[in-house]
Amino acid sequence: MDFWPEFLANSWGREFVAGGIGGMAGVVSGYPLDTLRVWQQSSPSGPSAFSILRNIVSAQGPTALYRGMTARICHFSAA
C-alpha cells in the first residue's frame, strides 16, 4: 500500500487518477442519453424522448438505461 501515496504525490499521478474519474463520470452521466438516442433512432414512428424514457423505465426498470455501460467505463477509466 505504500505505492499510492507516492503515486499520487506526483503531478502526473494525480492527473492520471483525475482523468480516469472524469472519464467515468462522463460515461455515467451521458450513457442514459445515448441509450435514449439509440432507441429513438431505431423506432419507426419517431416518438418523443420522454415517451421512450417512460416506456423503458416502466417496462424494464431504470437500470435498463445503464445496460452495457461497464465496457465503456473500463475503456474510459483506462484511457
Protein backbone atom coordinates (compact mmCIF):
# COMPACT_ATOMS: atom_id res chain seq x y z
CA MET A 1 0.00 0.00 0.00
CA ASP A 2 2.99 2.31 0.03
CA PHE A 3 2.61 2.79 -3.71
CA TRP A 4 -0.49 5.02 -3.68
CA PRO A 5 0.81 7.94 -1.59
CA GLU A 6 3.97 8.02 -3.68
CA PHE A 7 1.98 7.68 -6.93
CA LEU A 8 -0.42 10.49 -6.02
CA ALA A 9 2.41 12.74 -4.86
CA ASN A 10 3.50 13.20 -8.48
CA SER A 11 1.50 15.63 -10.60
CA TRP A 12 1.14 13.08 -13.41
CA GLY A 13 -0.22 10.55 -10.91
CA ARG A 14 -2.93 12.96 -9.76
CA GLU A 15 -3.75 13.86 -13.35
CA PHE A 16 -3.99 10.19 -14.30
CA VAL A 17 -6.38 9.40 -11.46
CA ALA A 18 -8.40 12.59 -12.04
CA GLY A 19 -8.68 11.80 -15.75
CA GLY A 20 -9.95 8.31 -15.01
CA ILE A 21 -12.54 9.60 -12.57
CA GLY A 22 -13.58 12.32 -15.00
CA GLY A 23 -13.93 9.82 -17.83
CA MET A 24 -16.09 7.56 -15.71
CA ALA A 25 -18.27 10.50 -14.62
CA GLY A 26 -18.78 11.46 -18.24
CA VAL A 27 -19.89 7.96 -19.15
CA VAL A 28 -22.26 7.66 -16.17
CA SER A 29 -23.92 10.99 -16.96
CA GLY A 30 -24.11 10.62 -20.74
CA TYR A 31 -24.91 6.94 -21.20
CA PRO A 32 -28.67 7.17 -20.47
CA LEU A 33 -28.98 9.97 -23.04
CA ASP A 34 -27.14 7.86 -25.60
CA THR A 35 -29.47 4.95 -24.86
CA LEU A 36 -32.49 7.19 -25.46
CA ARG A 37 -30.97 8.45 -28.71
CA VAL A 38 -30.42 4.90 -30.00
CA TRP A 39 -33.98 3.85 -29.08
CA GLN A 40 -35.39 6.96 -30.74
CA GLN A 41 -33.43 6.39 -33.94
CA SER A 42 -34.48 2.75 -34.14
CA SER A 43 -38.19 3.49 -33.67
CA PRO A 44 -40.06 3.74 -36.96
CA SER A 45 -42.74 6.13 -35.68
CA GLY A 46 -40.34 8.60 -34.05
CA PRO A 47 -41.84 9.05 -30.56
CA SER A 48 -40.51 11.71 -28.24
CA ALA A 49 -37.55 11.06 -25.96
CA PHE A 50 -39.73 11.47 -22.87
CA SER A 51 -42.21 8.82 -24.01
CA ILE A 52 -39.34 6.44 -24.79
CA LEU A 53 -37.84 7.12 -21.34
CA ARG A 54 -41.20 6.45 -19.70
CA ASN A 55 -41.66 3.20 -21.66
CA ILE A 56 -38.15 1.91 -20.89
CA VAL A 57 -38.37 2.67 -17.17
CA SER A 58 -41.87 1.20 -16.81
CA ALA A 59 -41.15 -1.96 -18.81
CA GLN A 60 -37.52 -2.76 -17.88
CA GLY A 61 -36.74 -0.60 -14.87
CA PRO A 62 -34.33 2.33 -14.52
CA THR A 63 -31.26 0.10 -14.74
CA ALA A 64 -32.09 -0.57 -18.40
CA LEU A 65 -30.74 2.89 -19.19
CA TYR A 66 -27.31 1.77 -17.96
CA ARG A 67 -27.26 -1.71 -19.53
CA GLY A 68 -23.94 -2.32 -21.30
CA MET A 69 -22.15 0.60 -19.65
CA THR A 70 -19.45 -1.50 -17.95
CA ALA A 71 -17.34 -1.85 -21.08
CA ARG A 72 -17.36 1.89 -21.73
CA ILE A 73 -16.41 2.66 -18.13
CA CYS A 74 -13.47 0.27 -18.35
CA HIS A 75 -12.41 1.87 -21.62
CA PHE A 76 -12.57 5.46 -20.39
CA SER A 77 -11.09 4.80 -16.98
CA ALA A 78 -8.02 3.20 -18.52
CA ALA A 79 -7.59 5.75 -21.31
